């Protein structure tokens, strides 16, 4: 097997540069997950930081703590799933020029 080490190093440098740019882009990816017919909404960014939590007033009137906890968990998980899809798209666009690498990222 012949490896072109110079080409591999250039690809690695390019990938490193793109990953640094990607970090900034991840902060800009924002998704909002919801649960309970939008009564609970959670907004997160691509770094998985919760930016906002909205709980509709009607929830407080039910006085059902367990339901509120379940809705928050469901909304966070929904937002997390959505942001992961956006991250996967971003990573695929970065690695599309490197044979085999985008396949590895899709496995994660």
PDB file of N, CA and C in Angstrom:
ATOM      1  N   UNK A   1       0.832  -1.173   0.000  1.00  0.00           N
ATOM      2  CA  UNK A   1       0.000   0.000   0.000  1.00  0.00           C
ATOM      3  C   UNK A   1       0.880   1.240   0.000  1.00  0.00           C
ATOM      4  N   UNK A   2       0.620   2.161  -0.908  1.00  0.00           N
ATOM      5  CA  UNK A   2       1.363   3.413  -0.985  1.00  0.00           C
ATOM      6  C   UNK A   2       0.560   4.532  -0.347  1.00  0.00           C
ATOM      7  N   UNK A   3       1.185   5.250   0.575  1.00  0.00           N
ATOM      8  CA  UNK A   3       0.553   6.396   1.202  1.00  0.00           C
ATOM      9  C   UNK A   3       1.302   7.644   0.777  1.00  0.00           C
ATOM     10  N   UNK A   4       0.554   8.637   0.383  1.00  0.00           N
ATOM     11  CA  UNK A   4       1.148   9.934   0.079  1.00  0.00           C
ATOM     12  C   UNK A   4       1.061  10.758   1.355  1.00  0.00           C
ATOM     13  N   UNK A   5       2.144  10.717   2.135  1.00  0.00           N
ATOM     14  CA  UNK A   5       2.148  11.355   3.452  1.00  0.00           C
ATOM     15  C   UNK A   5       1.957  12.865   3.339  1.00  0.00           C
ATOM     16  N   UNK A   6       2.496  13.470   2.299  1.00  0.00           N
ATOM     17  CA  UNK A   6       2.353  14.915   2.126  1.00  0.00           C
ATOM     18  C   UNK A   6       0.879  15.268   1.903  1.00  0.00           C
ATOM     19  N   UNK A   7       0.220  14.510   1.064  1.00  0.00           N
ATOM     20  CA  UNK A   7      -1.197  14.744   0.806  1.00  0.00           C
ATOM     21  C   UNK A   7      -2.025  14.513   2.072  1.00  0.00           C
ATOM     22  N   UNK A   8      -1.681  13.480   2.812  1.00  0.00           N
ATOM     23  CA  UNK A   8      -2.390  13.173   4.047  1.00  0.00           C
ATOM     24  C   UNK A   8      -2.223  14.305   5.055  1.00  0.00           C
ATOM     25  N   UNK A   9      -1.028  14.850   5.175  1.00  0.00           N
ATOM     26  CA  UNK A   9      -0.775  15.965   6.092  1.00  0.00           C
ATOM     27  C   UNK A   9      -1.547  17.209   5.670  1.00  0.00           C
ATOM     28  N   UNK A  10      -1.617  17.468   4.362  1.00  0.00           N
ATOM     29  CA  UNK A  10      -2.382  18.617   3.877  1.00  0.00           C
ATOM     30  C   UNK A  10      -3.862  18.449   4.194  1.00  0.00           C
ATOM     31  N   UNK A  11      -4.362  17.248   4.020  1.00  0.00           N
ATOM     32  CA  UNK A  11      -5.762  16.980   4.343  1.00  0.00           C
ATOM     33  C   UNK A  11      -6.010  17.158   5.839  1.00  0.00           C
ATOM     34  N   UNK A  12      -5.069  16.730   6.655  1.00  0.00           N
ATOM     35  CA  UNK A  12      -5.207  16.869   8.103  1.00  0.00           C
ATOM     36  C   UNK A  12      -5.226  18.340   8.511  1.00  0.00           C
ATOM     37  N   UNK A  13      -4.359  19.141   7.907  1.00  0.00           N
ATOM     38  CA  UNK A  13      -4.339  20.578   8.202  1.00  0.00           C
ATOM     39  C   UNK A  13      -5.651  21.222   7.782  1.00  0.00           C
ATOM     40  N   UNK A  14      -6.127  20.843   6.607  1.00  0.00           N
ATOM     41  CA  UNK A  14      -7.393  21.383   6.118  1.00  0.00           C
ATOM     42  C   UNK A  14      -8.536  20.988   7.052  1.00  0.00           C
ATOM     43  N   UNK A  15      -8.554  19.740   7.468  1.00  0.00           N
ATOM     44  CA  UNK A  15      -9.597  19.258   8.365  1.00  0.00           C
ATOM     45  C   UNK A  15      -9.544  20.010   9.691  1.00  0.00           C
ATOM     46  N   UNK A  16      -8.340  20.225  10.216  1.00  0.00           N
ATOM     47  CA  UNK A  16      -8.189  20.955  11.476  1.00  0.00           C
ATOM     48  C   UNK A  16      -8.746  22.370  11.343  1.00  0.00           C
ATOM     49  N   UNK A  17      -8.433  23.020  10.257  1.00  0.00           N
ATOM     50  CA  UNK A  17      -8.930  24.370  10.011  1.00  0.00           C
ATOM     51  C   UNK A  17     -10.452  24.377   9.916  1.00  0.00           C
ATOM     52  N   UNK A  18     -10.992  23.416   9.204  1.00  0.00           N
ATOM     53  CA  UNK A  18     -12.443  23.333   9.055  1.00  0.00           C
ATOM     54  C   UNK A  18     -13.122  23.022  10.382  1.00  0.00           C
ATOM     55  N   UNK A  19     -12.490  22.219  11.214  1.00  0.00           N
ATOM     56  CA  UNK A  19     -13.064  21.889  12.521  1.00  0.00           C
ATOM     57  C   UNK A  19     -13.106  23.122  13.421  1.00  0.00           C
ATOM     58  N   UNK A  20     -12.086  23.962  13.335  1.00  0.00           N
ATOM     59  CA  UNK A  20     -12.096  25.199  14.119  1.00  0.00           C
ATOM     60  C   UNK A  20     -13.229  26.112  13.668  1.00  0.00           C
ATOM     61  N   UNK A  21     -13.429  26.209  12.354  1.00  0.00           N
ATOM     62  CA  UNK A  21     -14.541  27.003  11.835  1.00  0.00           C
ATOM     63  C   UNK A  21     -15.869  26.389  12.262  1.00  0.00           C
ATOM     64  N   UNK A  22     -15.903  25.086  12.273  1.00  0.00           N
ATOM     65  CA  UNK A  22     -17.113  24.360  12.644  1.00  0.00           C
ATOM     66  C   UNK A  22     -17.522  24.656  14.076  1.00  0.00           C
ATOM     67  N   UNK A  23     -16.558  24.794  14.969  1.00  0.00           N
ATOM     68  CA  UNK A  23     -16.860  25.087  16.370  1.00  0.00           C
ATOM     69  C   UNK A  23     -17.678  26.375  16.478  1.00  0.00           C
ATOM     70  N   UNK A  24     -17.301  27.375  15.704  1.00  0.00           N
ATOM     71  CA  UNK A  24     -18.037  28.631  15.696  1.00  0.00           C
ATOM     72  C   UNK A  24     -19.432  28.419  15.123  1.00  0.00           C
ATOM     73  N   UNK A  25     -19.513  27.618  14.075  1.00  0.00           N
ATOM     74  CA  UNK A  25     -20.814  27.347  13.467  1.00  0.00           C
ATOM     75  C   UNK A  25     -21.728  26.594  14.423  1.00  0.00           C
ATOM     76  N   UNK A  26     -21.150  25.702  15.226  1.00  0.00           N
ATOM     77  CA  UNK A  26     -21.960  24.939  16.165  1.00  0.00           C
ATOM     78  C   UNK A  26     -22.664  25.847  17.168  1.00  0.00           C
ATOM     79  N   UNK A  27     -21.982  26.892  17.589  1.00  0.00           N
ATOM     80  CA  UNK A  27     -22.606  27.834  18.505  1.00  0.00           C
ATOM     81  C   UNK A  27     -23.803  28.517  17.854  1.00  0.00           C
ATOM     82  N   UNK A  28     -23.769  28.635  16.525  1.00  0.00           N
ATOM     83  CA  UNK A  28     -24.829  29.330  15.803  1.00  0.00           C
ATOM     84  C   UNK A  28     -25.996  28.418  15.434  1.00  0.00           C
ATOM     85  N   UNK A  29     -25.798  27.110  15.538  1.00  0.00           N
ATOM     86  CA  UNK A  29     -26.900  26.187  15.287  1.00  0.00           C
ATOM     87  C   UNK A  29     -27.818  26.234  16.506  1.00  0.00           C
ATOM     88  N   UNK A  30     -29.051  26.605  16.288  1.00  0.00           N
ATOM     89  CA  UNK A  30     -30.002  26.718  17.388  1.00  0.00           C
ATOM     90  C   UNK A  30     -31.264  25.969  17.005  1.00  0.00           C
ATOM     91  N   UNK A  31     -31.709  25.087  17.888  1.00  0.00           N
ATOM     92  CA  UNK A  31     -32.954  24.360  17.662  1.00  0.00           C
ATOM     93  C   UNK A  31     -33.828  24.472  18.907  1.00  0.00           C
ATOM     94  N   UNK A  32     -35.119  24.358  18.680  1.00  0.00           N
ATOM     95  CA  UNK A  32     -36.073  24.389  19.782  1.00  0.00           C
ATOM     96  C   UNK A  32     -36.875  23.107  19.755  1.00  0.00           C
ATOM     97  N   UNK A  33     -36.795  22.372  20.845  1.00  0.00           N
ATOM     98  CA  UNK A  33     -37.592  21.164  21.004  1.00  0.00           C
ATOM     99  C   UNK A  33     -38.797  21.480  21.856  1.00  0.00           C
ATOM    100  N   UNK A  34     -39.834  20.684  21.685  1.00  0.00           N
ATOM    101  CA  UNK A  34     -41.043  20.950  22.462  1.00  0.00           C
ATOM    102  C   UNK A  34     -41.716  19.655  22.881  1.00  0.00           C
ATOM    103  N   UNK A  35     -42.621  19.794  23.827  1.00  0.00           N
ATOM    104  CA  UNK A  35     -43.406  18.655  24.309  1.00  0.00           C
ATOM    105  C   UNK A  35     -44.735  19.185  24.823  1.00  0.00           C
ATOM    106  N   UNK A  36     -45.702  18.281  24.913  1.00  0.00           N
ATOM    107  CA  UNK A  36     -47.003  18.671  25.449  1.00  0.00           C
ATOM    108  C   UNK A  36     -47.678  19.738  24.631  1.00  0.00           C
ATOM    109  N   UNK A  37     -47.726  19.523  23.302  1.00  0.00           N
ATOM    110  CA  UNK A  37     -48.349  20.504  22.393  1.00  0.00           C
ATOM    111  C   UNK A  37     -47.740  21.896  22.575  1.00  0.00           C
ATOM    112  N   UNK A  38     -46.419  21.938  22.634  1.00  0.00           N
ATOM    113  CA  UNK A  38     -45.641  23.176  22.778  1.00  0.00           C
ATOM    114  C   UNK A  38     -45.815  23.860  24.133  1.00  0.00           C
ATOM    115  N   UNK A  39     -46.362  23.169  25.116  1.00  0.00           N
ATOM    116  CA  UNK A  39     -46.502  23.794  26.437  1.00  0.00           C
ATOM    117  C   UNK A  39     -45.142  23.943  27.111  1.00  0.00           C
ATOM    118  N   UNK A  40     -44.187  23.074  26.730  1.00  0.00           N
ATOM    119  CA  UNK A  40     -42.808  23.206  27.204  1.00  0.00           C
ATOM    120  C   UNK A  40     -41.913  23.260  25.981  1.00  0.00           C
ATOM    121  N   UNK A  41     -41.078  24.287  25.926  1.00  0.00           N
ATOM    122  CA  UNK A  41     -40.141  24.456  24.811  1.00  0.00           C
ATOM    123  C   UNK A  41     -38.743  24.691  25.370  1.00  0.00           C
ATOM    124  N   UNK A  42     -37.771  24.013  24.751  1.00  0.00           N
ATOM    125  CA  UNK A  42     -36.382  24.152  25.159  1.00  0.00           C
ATOM    126  C   UNK A  42     -35.562  24.496  23.927  1.00  0.00           C
ATOM    127  N   UNK A  43     -34.783  25.555  24.032  1.00  0.00           N
ATOM    128  CA  UNK A  43     -33.923  25.985  22.931  1.00  0.00           C
ATOM    129  C   UNK A  43     -32.481  25.703  23.321  1.00  0.00           C
ATOM    130  N   UNK A  44     -31.766  24.989  22.423  1.00  0.00           N
ATOM    131  CA  UNK A  44     -30.355  24.686  22.666  1.00  0.00           C
ATOM    132  C   UNK A  44     -29.535  25.034  21.434  1.00  0.00           C
ATOM    133  N   UNK A  45     -28.226  25.141  21.631  1.00  0.00           N
ATOM    134  CA  UNK A  45     -27.339  25.378  20.494  1.00  0.00           C
ATOM    135  C   UNK A  45     -26.546  24.120  20.178  1.00  0.00           C
ATOM    136  N   UNK A  46     -25.715  24.204  19.153  1.00  0.00           N
ATOM    137  CA  UNK A  46     -24.944  23.061  18.699  1.00  0.00           C
ATOM    138  C   UNK A  46     -23.892  22.582  19.679  1.00  0.00           C
ATOM    139  N   UNK A  47     -23.643  23.348  20.717  1.00  0.00           N
ATOM    140  CA  UNK A  47     -22.726  22.928  21.772  1.00  0.00           C
ATOM    141  C   UNK A  47     -23.495  22.284  22.920  1.00  0.00           C
ATOM    142  N   UNK A  48     -24.779  22.023  22.680  1.00  0.00           N
ATOM    143  CA  UNK A  48     -25.679  21.394  23.657  1.00  0.00           C
ATOM    144  C   UNK A  48     -25.868  22.230  24.919  1.00  0.00           C
ATOM    145  N   UNK A  49     -25.826  23.525  24.755  1.00  0.00           N
ATOM    146  CA  UNK A  49     -26.102  24.423  25.880  1.00  0.00           C
ATOM    147  C   UNK A  49     -27.556  24.863  25.802  1.00  0.00           C
ATOM    148  N   UNK A  50     -28.264  24.749  26.911  1.00  0.00           N
ATOM    149  CA  UNK A  50     -29.646  25.210  26.950  1.00  0.00           C
ATOM    150  C   UNK A  50     -29.627  26.731  26.968  1.00  0.00           C
ATOM    151  N   UNK A  51     -30.301  27.325  26.000  1.00  0.00           N
ATOM    152  CA  UNK A  51     -30.342  28.776  25.891  1.00  0.00           C
ATOM    153  C   UNK A  51     -31.620  29.358  26.476  1.00  0.00           C
ATOM    154  N   UNK A  52     -32.702  28.570  26.403  1.00  0.00           N
ATOM    155  CA  UNK A  52     -33.988  29.103  26.842  1.00  0.00           C
ATOM    156  C   UNK A  52     -34.914  27.949  27.217  1.00  0.00           C
ATOM    157  N   UNK A  53     -35.711  28.166  28.241  1.00  0.00           N
ATOM    158  CA  UNK A  53     -36.742  27.221  28.647  1.00  0.00           C
ATOM    159  C   UNK A  53     -38.040  28.005  28.785  1.00  0.00           C
ATOM    160  N   UNK A  54     -39.069  27.563  28.078  1.00  0.00           N
ATOM    161  CA  UNK A  54     -40.382  28.212  28.164  1.00  0.00           C
ATOM    162  C   UNK A  54     -41.392  27.191  28.667  1.00  0.00           C
ATOM    163  N   UNK A  55     -42.112  27.579  29.708  1.00  0.00           N
ATOM    164  CA  UNK A  55     -43.172  26.742  30.249  1.00  0.00           C
ATOM    165  C   UNK A  55     -44.453  27.557  30.209  1.00  0.00           C
ATOM    166  N   UNK A  56     -45.454  27.027  29.524  1.00  0.00           N
ATOM    167  CA  UNK A  56     -46.725  27.730  29.388  1.00  0.00           C
ATOM    168  C   UNK A  56     -47.412  27.873  30.744  1.00  0.00           C
ATOM    169  N   UNK A  57     -48.123  28.962  30.923  1.00  0.00           N
ATOM    170  CA  UNK A  57     -48.812  29.235  32.183  1.00  0.00           C
ATOM    171  C   UNK A  57     -49.785  28.124  32.580  1.00  0.00           C
ATOM    172  N   UNK A  58     -50.407  27.473  31.583  1.00  0.00           N
ATOM    173  CA  UNK A  58     -51.390  26.427  31.881  1.00  0.00           C
ATOM    174  C   UNK A  58     -50.786  25.291  32.703  1.00  0.00           C
ATOM    175  N   UNK A  59     -49.500  25.036  32.510  1.00  0.00           N
ATOM    176  CA  UNK A  59     -48.829  23.952  33.233  1.00  0.00           C
ATOM    177  C   UNK A  59     -48.848  24.220  34.728  1.00  0.00           C
ATOM    178  N   UNK A  60     -48.625  25.470  35.105  1.00  0.00           N
ATOM    179  CA  UNK A  60     -48.586  25.801  36.529  1.00  0.00           C
ATOM    180  C   UNK A  60     -49.950  25.602  37.190  1.00  0.00           C
ATOM    181  N   UNK A  61     -51.004  25.752  36.417  1.00  0.00           N
ATOM    182  CA  UNK A  61     -52.351  25.616  36.967  1.00  0.00           C
ATOM    183  C   UNK A  61     -52.711  24.159  37.259  1.00  0.00           C
ATOM    184  N   UNK A  62     -52.002  23.214  36.645  1.00  0.00           N
ATOM    185  CA  UNK A  62     -52.318  21.807  36.870  1.00  0.00           C
ATOM    186  C   UNK A  62     -51.757  21.293  38.190  1.00  0.00           C
ATOM    187  N   UNK A  63     -50.745  21.958  38.726  1.00  0.00           N
ATOM    188  CA  UNK A  63     -50.121  21.558  39.981  1.00  0.00           C
ATOM    189  C   UNK A  63     -49.656  20.097  39.932  1.00  0.00           C
ATOM    190  N   UNK A  64     -49.142  19.696  38.746  1.00  0.00           N
ATOM    191  CA  UNK A  64     -48.691  18.324  38.551  1.00  0.00           C
ATOM    192  C   UNK A  64     -47.185  18.346  38.270  1.00  0.00           C
ATOM    193  N   UNK A  65     -46.413  18.259  39.324  1.00  0.00           N
ATOM    194  CA  UNK A  65     -44.956  18.346  39.216  1.00  0.00           C
ATOM    195  C   UNK A  65     -44.383  17.254  38.316  1.00  0.00           C
ATOM    196  N   UNK A  66     -44.851  16.022  38.467  1.00  0.00           N
ATOM    197  CA  UNK A  66     -44.340  14.899  37.674  1.00  0.00           C
ATOM    198  C   UNK A  66     -44.562  15.139  36.181  1.00  0.00           C
ATOM    199  N   UNK A  67     -45.737  15.642  35.810  1.00  0.00           N
ATOM    200  CA  UNK A  67     -46.018  15.916  34.406  1.00  0.00           C
ATOM    201  C   UNK A  67     -45.050  16.980  33.868  1.00  0.00           C
ATOM    202  N   UNK A  68     -44.826  18.025  34.657  1.00  0.00           N
ATOM    203  CA  UNK A  68     -43.901  19.081  34.239  1.00  0.00           C
ATOM    204  C   UNK A  68     -42.497  18.523  34.041  1.00  0.00           C
ATOM    205  N   UNK A  69     -42.047  17.703  34.966  1.00  0.00           N
ATOM    206  CA  UNK A  69     -40.720  17.105  34.834  1.00  0.00           C
ATOM    207  C   UNK A  69     -40.623  16.258  33.566  1.00  0.00           C
ATOM    208  N   UNK A  70     -41.639  15.467  33.305  1.00  0.00           N
ATOM    209  CA  UNK A  70     -41.648  14.621  32.107  1.00  0.00           C
ATOM    210  C   UNK A  70     -41.640  15.456  30.833  1.00  0.00           C
ATOM    211  N   UNK A  71     -42.403  16.537  30.834  1.00  0.00           N
ATOM    212  CA  UNK A  71     -42.451  17.400  29.649  1.00  0.00           C
ATOM    213  C   UNK A  71     -41.117  18.104  29.407  1.00  0.00           C
ATOM    214  N   UNK A  72     -40.455  18.507  30.464  1.00  0.00           N
ATOM    215  CA  UNK A  72     -39.139  19.155  30.313  1.00  0.00           C
ATOM    216  C   UNK A  72     -38.136  18.156  29.736  1.00  0.00           C
ATOM    217  N   UNK A  73     -38.123  16.957  30.280  1.00  0.00           N
ATOM    218  CA  UNK A  73     -37.208  15.927  29.766  1.00  0.00           C
ATOM    219  C   UNK A  73     -37.507  15.652  28.294  1.00  0.00           C
ATOM    220  N   UNK A  74     -38.766  15.513  27.934  1.00  0.00           N
ATOM    221  CA  UNK A  74     -39.142  15.236  26.542  1.00  0.00           C
ATOM    222  C   UNK A  74     -38.733  16.384  25.624  1.00  0.00           C
ATOM    223  N   UNK A  75     -38.926  17.615  26.056  1.00  0.00           N
ATOM    224  CA  UNK A  75     -38.560  18.771  25.232  1.00  0.00           C
ATOM    225  C   UNK A  75     -37.048  18.869  25.050  1.00  0.00           C
ATOM    226  N   UNK A  76     -36.298  18.606  26.115  1.00  0.00           N
ATOM    227  CA  UNK A  76     -34.824  18.629  26.018  1.00  0.00           C
ATOM    228  C   UNK A  76     -34.353  17.540  25.059  1.00  0.00           C
ATOM    229  N   UNK A  77     -34.890  16.348  25.193  1.00  0.00           N
ATOM    230  CA  UNK A  77     -34.498  15.255  24.306  1.00  0.00           C
ATOM    231  C   UNK A  77     -34.868  15.552  22.857  1.00  0.00           C
ATOM    232  N   UNK A  78     -36.011  16.165  22.641  1.00  0.00           N
ATOM    233  CA  UNK A  78     -36.427  16.541  21.291  1.00  0.00           C
ATOM    234  C   UNK A  78     -35.453  17.560  20.697  1.00  0.00           C
ATOM    235  N   UNK A  79     -35.108  18.576  21.468  1.00  0.00           N
ATOM    236  CA  UNK A  79     -34.160  19.595  20.996  1.00  0.00           C
ATOM    237  C   UNK A  79     -32.795  18.980  20.732  1.00  0.00           C
ATOM    238  N   UNK A  80     -32.366  18.096  21.610  1.00  0.00           N
ATOM    239  CA  UNK A  80     -31.065  17.443  21.454  1.00  0.00           C
ATOM    240  C   UNK A  80     -31.022  16.622  20.163  1.00  0.00           C
ATOM    241  N   UNK A  81     -32.078  15.880  19.871  1.00  0.00           N
ATOM    242  CA  UNK A  81     -32.128  15.088  18.637  1.00  0.00           C
ATOM    243  C   UNK A  81     -32.038  15.989  17.410  1.00  0.00           C
ATOM    244  N   UNK A  82     -32.745  17.096  17.457  1.00  0.00           N
ATOM    245  CA  UNK A  82     -32.737  18.023  16.322  1.00  0.00           C
ATOM    246  C   UNK A  82     -31.361  18.634  16.113  1.00  0.00           C
ATOM    247  N   UNK A  83     -30.703  19.027  17.185  1.00  0.00           N
ATOM    248  CA  UNK A  83     -29.387  19.649  17.043  1.00  0.00           C
ATOM    249  C   UNK A  83     -28.356  18.621  16.583  1.00  0.00           C
ATOM    250  N   UNK A  84     -28.495  17.363  17.005  1.00  0.00           N
ATOM    251  CA  UNK A  84     -27.570  16.328  16.550  1.00  0.00           C
ATOM    252  C   UNK A  84     -27.664  16.130  15.041  1.00  0.00           C
ATOM    253  N   UNK A  85     -28.864  16.204  14.502  1.00  0.00           N
ATOM    254  CA  UNK A  85     -29.032  16.096  13.044  1.00  0.00           C
ATOM    255  C   UNK A  85     -28.342  17.247  12.333  1.00  0.00           C
ATOM    256  N   UNK A  86     -28.459  18.443  12.873  1.00  0.00           N
ATOM    257  CA  UNK A  86     -27.799  19.607  12.270  1.00  0.00           C
ATOM    258  C   UNK A  86     -26.285  19.480  12.356  1.00  0.00           C
ATOM    259  N   UNK A  87     -25.783  18.965  13.460  1.00  0.00           N
ATOM    260  CA  UNK A  87     -24.338  18.761  13.624  1.00  0.00           C
ATOM    261  C   UNK A  87     -23.846  17.729  12.616  1.00  0.00           C
ATOM    262  N   UNK A  88     -24.598  16.670  12.431  1.00  0.00           N
ATOM    263  CA  UNK A  88     -24.210  15.627  11.482  1.00  0.00           C
ATOM    264  C   UNK A  88     -24.114  16.203  10.071  1.00  0.00           C
ATOM    265  N   UNK A  89     -25.073  17.040   9.705  1.00  0.00           N
ATOM    266  CA  UNK A  89     -25.032  17.691   8.383  1.00  0.00           C
ATOM    267  C   UNK A  89     -23.781  18.549   8.252  1.00  0.00           C
ATOM    268  N   UNK A  90     -23.480  19.311   9.298  1.00  0.00           N
ATOM    269  CA  UNK A  90     -22.300  20.184   9.279  1.00  0.00           C
ATOM    270  C   UNK A  90     -21.025  19.361   9.151  1.00  0.00           C
ATOM    271  N   UNK A  91     -20.916  18.293   9.905  1.00  0.00           N
ATOM    272  CA  UNK A  91     -19.722  17.456   9.851  1.00  0.00           C
ATOM    273  C   UNK A  91     -19.578  16.784   8.483  1.00  0.00           C
ATOM    274  N   UNK A  92     -20.682  16.365   7.903  1.00  0.00           N
ATOM    275  CA  UNK A  92     -20.626  15.760   6.569  1.00  0.00           C
ATOM    276  C   UNK A  92     -20.139  16.761   5.532  1.00  0.00           C
ATOM    277  N   UNK A  93     -20.549  18.014   5.657  1.00  0.00           N
ATOM    278  CA  UNK A  93     -20.090  19.012   4.689  1.00  0.00           C
ATOM    279  C   UNK A  93     -18.592  19.275   4.838  1.00  0.00           C
ATOM    280  N   UNK A  94     -18.078  19.191   6.051  1.00  0.00           N
ATOM    281  CA  UNK A  94     -16.650  19.417   6.293  1.00  0.00           C
ATOM    282  C   UNK A  94     -15.819  18.255   5.761  1.00  0.00           C
ATOM    283  N   UNK A  95     -16.284  17.037   5.980  1.00  0.00           N
ATOM    284  CA  UNK A  95     -15.477  15.856   5.664  1.00  0.00           C
ATOM    285  C   UNK A  95     -15.767  15.259   4.296  1.00  0.00           C
ATOM    286  N   UNK A  96     -16.639  15.889   3.528  1.00  0.00           N
ATOM    287  CA  UNK A  96     -17.029  15.303   2.243  1.00  0.00           C
ATOM    288  C   UNK A  96     -15.858  15.126   1.276  1.00  0.00           C
ATOM    289  N   UNK A  97     -14.815  15.925   1.416  1.00  0.00           N
ATOM    290  CA  UNK A  97     -13.674  15.817   0.514  1.00  0.00           C
ATOM    291  C   UNK A  97     -12.636  14.788   0.931  1.00  0.00           C
ATOM    292  N   UNK A  98     -12.853  14.148   2.073  1.00  0.00           N
ATOM    293  CA  UNK A  98     -11.879  13.181   2.571  1.00  0.00           C
ATOM    294  C   UNK A  98     -12.518  11.795   2.506  1.00  0.00           C
ATOM    295  N   UNK A  99     -12.051  10.977   1.575  1.00  0.00           N
ATOM    296  CA  UNK A  99     -12.657   9.660   1.375  1.00  0.00           C
ATOM    297  C   UNK A  99     -12.694   8.832   2.656  1.00  0.00           C
ATOM    298  N   UNK A 100     -13.859   8.256   2.944  1.00  0.00           N
ATOM    299  CA  UNK A 100     -14.019   7.371   4.084  1.00  0.00           C
ATOM    300  C   UNK A 100     -14.306   8.056   5.404  1.00  0.00           C
ATOM    301  N   UNK A 101     -13.906   9.316   5.566  1.00  0.00           N
ATOM    302  CA  UNK A 101     -14.076   9.993   6.851  1.00  0.00           C
ATOM    303  C   UNK A 101     -15.541  10.297   7.130  1.00  0.00           C
ATOM    304  N   UNK A 102     -16.275  10.727   6.124  1.00  0.00           N
ATOM    305  CA  UNK A 102     -17.688  11.039   6.369  1.00  0.00           C
ATOM    306  C   UNK A 102     -18.459   9.768   6.732  1.00  0.00           C
ATOM    307  N   UNK A 103     -18.050   8.608   6.235  1.00  0.00           N
ATOM    308  CA  UNK A 103     -18.700   7.359   6.629  1.00  0.00           C
ATOM    309  C   UNK A 103     -18.481   7.058   8.102  1.00  0.00           C
ATOM    310  N   UNK A 104     -17.283   7.360   8.606  1.00  0.00           N
ATOM    311  CA  UNK A 104     -17.002   7.142  10.024  1.00  0.00           C
ATOM    312  C   UNK A 104     -17.848   8.064  10.906  1.00  0.00           C
ATOM    313  N   UNK A 105     -18.031   9.306  10.467  1.00  0.00           N
ATOM    314  CA  UNK A 105     -18.810  10.262  11.246  1.00  0.00           C
ATOM    315  C   UNK A 105     -20.276   9.837  11.287  1.00  0.00           C
ATOM    316  N   UNK A 106     -20.776   9.279  10.203  1.00  0.00           N
ATOM    317  CA  UNK A 106     -22.172   8.836  10.163  1.00  0.00           C
ATOM    318  C   UNK A 106     -22.416   7.657  11.084  1.00  0.00           C
ATOM    319  N   UNK A 107     -21.367   6.917  11.439  1.00  0.00           N
ATOM    320  CA  UNK A 107     -21.513   5.804  12.353  1.00  0.00           C
ATOM    321  C   UNK A 107     -21.675   6.283  13.790  1.00  0.00           C
ATOM    322  N   UNK A 108     -21.179   7.453  14.082  1.00  0.00           N
ATOM    323  CA  UNK A 108     -21.209   7.971  15.462  1.00  0.00           C
ATOM    324  C   UNK A 108     -22.599   8.373  15.881  1.00  0.00           C
TER     325      UNK A 108
END
